[in-house]
Protein backbone atom coordinates (compact mmCIF):
# COMPACT_ATOMS: atom_id res chain seq x y z
CA MET A 1 59.82 -48.71 2.50
CA LYS A 2 56.20 -49.39 2.56
CA ASP A 3 54.58 -51.06 5.47
CA ARG A 4 51.91 -53.44 4.34
CA ASN A 5 50.01 -53.18 7.60
CA HIS A 6 49.46 -49.45 7.09
CA PRO A 7 47.55 -48.45 4.00
CA SER A 8 48.75 -45.44 2.06
CA LEU A 9 47.45 -42.00 2.93
CA HIS A 10 45.63 -41.85 -0.40
CA LYS A 11 43.65 -44.98 0.37
CA VAL A 12 42.75 -43.71 3.83
CA ILE A 13 41.46 -40.42 2.46
CA CYS A 14 39.46 -42.14 -0.31
CA ARG A 15 37.91 -44.53 2.18
CA PHE A 16 37.05 -41.65 4.54
CA PHE A 17 35.35 -39.63 1.79
CA SER A 18 33.44 -42.63 0.47
CA ARG A 19 32.02 -43.23 3.95
CA LEU A 20 31.38 -39.51 4.44
CA ARG A 21 29.65 -39.21 1.09
CA GLY A 22 26.99 -41.72 2.06
CA ARG A 23 26.39 -40.03 5.39
CA PHE A 24 26.56 -36.56 3.90
CA TRP A 25 23.88 -37.18 1.29
CA SER A 26 21.56 -38.62 3.90
CA TRP A 27 21.90 -35.44 5.99
CA VAL A 28 21.25 -33.01 3.15
CA PRO A 29 17.47 -33.64 2.95
CA ALA A 30 17.21 -33.51 6.72
CA LEU A 31 18.98 -30.15 6.82
CA LEU A 32 16.86 -28.80 3.97
CA LEU A 33 13.70 -29.92 5.76
CA LEU A 34 14.88 -28.29 8.95
CA ALA A 35 15.62 -25.02 7.11
CA ALA A 36 12.20 -25.07 5.42
CA CYS A 37 10.43 -25.53 8.75
CA ALA A 38 12.29 -22.72 10.48
CA ALA A 39 10.06 -19.91 11.67
CA ALA A 40 9.97 -16.93 9.34
CA PRO A 41 10.56 -13.53 10.92
CA PRO A 42 7.34 -11.66 11.66
CA PRO A 43 6.36 -8.99 9.14
CA PRO A 44 7.07 -5.40 10.12
CA PRO A 45 4.22 -3.60 11.86
CA SER A 46 1.91 -1.64 9.60
CA PRO A 47 2.23 2.12 9.81
CA PRO A 48 -0.35 3.86 11.96
CA PRO A 49 -3.33 5.31 10.06
CA TRP A 50 -3.34 9.03 9.43
CA PRO A 51 -6.32 11.34 8.93
CA SER A 52 -7.40 13.20 5.81
CA ARG A 53 -6.77 16.92 5.39
CA VAL A 54 -9.49 19.09 3.91
CA ILE A 55 -8.63 22.67 2.92
CA THR A 56 -11.56 24.95 2.09
CA LYS A 57 -11.81 27.86 -0.36
CA GLU A 58 -11.57 30.18 2.65
CA GLY A 59 -8.23 28.62 3.63
CA LEU A 60 -9.46 26.66 6.66
CA LEU A 61 -7.76 23.34 7.32
CA PHE A 62 -9.72 20.45 8.81
CA THR A 63 -8.10 17.24 9.98
CA VAL A 64 -10.76 14.62 9.37
CA HIS A 65 -10.80 10.99 10.47
CA LYS A 66 -13.01 8.47 8.64
CA PHE A 67 -13.50 10.78 5.65
CA ARG A 68 -16.34 9.66 3.41
CA LEU A 69 -18.98 10.70 0.90
CA PRO A 70 -22.36 9.90 2.47
CA GLY A 71 -24.86 7.95 0.43
CA THR A 72 -22.36 6.74 -2.19
CA ALA A 73 -20.19 3.73 -2.83
CA GLN A 74 -17.19 5.87 -1.73
CA GLU A 75 -16.41 6.86 -5.30
CA VAL A 76 -15.82 10.26 -6.86
CA ILE A 77 -17.42 10.91 -10.24
CA VAL A 78 -14.83 12.33 -12.63
CA LYS A 79 -15.76 13.64 -16.07
CA VAL A 80 -13.02 13.63 -18.68
CA GLY A 81 -14.38 15.02 -21.93
CA ASP A 82 -17.74 13.32 -22.45
CA ALA A 83 -16.84 10.20 -20.46
CA LYS A 84 -17.66 9.73 -16.78
CA GLN A 85 -15.53 7.60 -14.49
CA TRP A 86 -16.23 6.44 -10.97
CA LEU A 87 -12.96 6.62 -9.07
CA PRO A 88 -12.82 4.88 -5.65
CA LEU A 89 -11.60 7.02 -2.77
CA ASN A 90 -9.11 4.35 -1.68
CA LEU A 91 -7.16 4.91 -4.95
CA ILE A 92 -6.91 8.69 -4.56
CA GLN A 93 -4.09 10.45 -2.76
CA THR A 94 -4.93 14.12 -3.44
CA VAL A 95 -7.54 16.19 -5.23
CA SER A 96 -6.66 19.81 -6.03
CA PHE A 97 -9.45 21.92 -7.47
CA SER A 98 -8.38 24.59 -9.92
CA GLY A 99 -11.43 26.32 -11.33
CA ALA A 100 -14.97 27.55 -10.85
CA LEU A 101 -18.08 25.47 -10.35
CA LYS A 102 -19.90 24.66 -13.60
CA GLU A 103 -23.03 22.49 -13.59
CA ARG A 104 -22.03 20.89 -10.24
CA TYR A 105 -18.59 19.91 -11.60
CA ARG A 106 -15.25 21.56 -10.80
CA PRO A 107 -11.99 21.14 -12.72
CA ALA A 108 -9.39 19.32 -10.64
CA GLU A 109 -6.05 17.58 -10.76
CA ILE A 110 -6.17 14.16 -9.13
CA MET A 111 -3.11 12.27 -7.93
CA LEU A 112 -3.58 8.55 -7.36
CA ILE A 113 -1.69 6.56 -4.72
CA SER A 114 0.20 4.88 -7.58
CA GLY A 115 1.71 8.29 -8.46
CA GLU A 116 -0.30 8.86 -11.64
CA LYS A 117 -1.82 12.30 -12.22
CA PHE A 118 -4.72 13.23 -14.40
CA LYS A 119 -7.04 16.17 -14.89
CA GLY A 120 -10.80 16.10 -15.11
CA GLU A 121 -13.95 17.61 -13.71
CA VAL A 122 -15.06 16.25 -10.34
CA PHE A 123 -18.72 16.11 -9.33
CA VAL A 124 -19.07 18.26 -6.18
CA GLY A 125 -22.85 18.23 -5.71
CA THR A 126 -22.67 16.22 -2.51
CA LEU A 127 -21.54 16.47 1.09
CA VAL A 128 -18.29 15.23 2.58
CA GLU A 129 -18.26 14.02 6.15
CA GLY A 130 -16.05 12.58 8.84
CA VAL A 131 -14.98 13.02 12.43
CA THR A 132 -12.75 15.80 13.76
CA ASP A 133 -11.43 16.23 17.28
CA LEU A 134 -14.70 18.05 18.07
CA GLY A 135 -16.95 15.26 16.78
CA TYR A 136 -19.05 14.74 13.66
CA TRP A 137 -18.18 17.08 10.77
CA ASN A 138 -19.64 17.70 7.30
CA MET A 139 -19.41 20.29 4.57
CA PRO A 140 -20.56 20.76 0.96
CA PHE A 141 -17.96 19.25 -1.38
CA GLU A 142 -18.08 22.40 -3.53
CA ARG A 143 -16.43 24.41 -0.68
CA VAL A 144 -13.34 22.15 -0.70
CA GLU A 145 -10.24 23.54 -2.41
CA ARG A 146 -7.83 20.68 -1.71
CA LEU A 147 -8.27 17.19 -0.32
CA ASP A 148 -5.43 14.99 0.95
CA LEU A 149 -6.87 11.59 1.74
CA GLY A 150 -5.56 9.65 4.71
CA THR A 151 -5.60 5.95 5.48
CA ASP A 152 -8.18 5.72 8.23
C-alpha cells in the first residue's frame, strides 16, 4: 500500500539531486578560483656555485673562483677549418687541449654544458685570471692543459 502523504523514494532522491545540482554548480567556480589562488610551493634552492679547475701542462691544479679572460667579452675564439667562432665561456663545460701550440692556437676538444662535443683550435694568446684562496691569480692561457669551468 502506498501512502499518499509520503512520496516515493525515487521522487525524494530526484528532488534532492535537482536541488543539489543547482548548489553544486554554483560551488564549482568558487572552488576552482580558490584552487587557482592557492600559494604555489617555493622553488627549490639553487645549487651553490662551484669554482673552476685549471690544470697546467706541468700537472699543477688550481681551484679558481671568478675565472675570466681579461680584456675580452668572455668568449673563447675557436677556429674550425678556416672559420672562426666566438664561444661564450658560460656555454663551455670543459676544454681539453691535445696538441702543440701553432700560431697562438692549440688543438682542443670542447664540451659544452648541453653535452655536445666538438674539436677545434682554441686561441691561447691571452691571459686567464681569477681568484684562488691566496688572492688574485693569472697565467698565460697557453700553459693550461685542461680547464673545467665552474659556475661562479
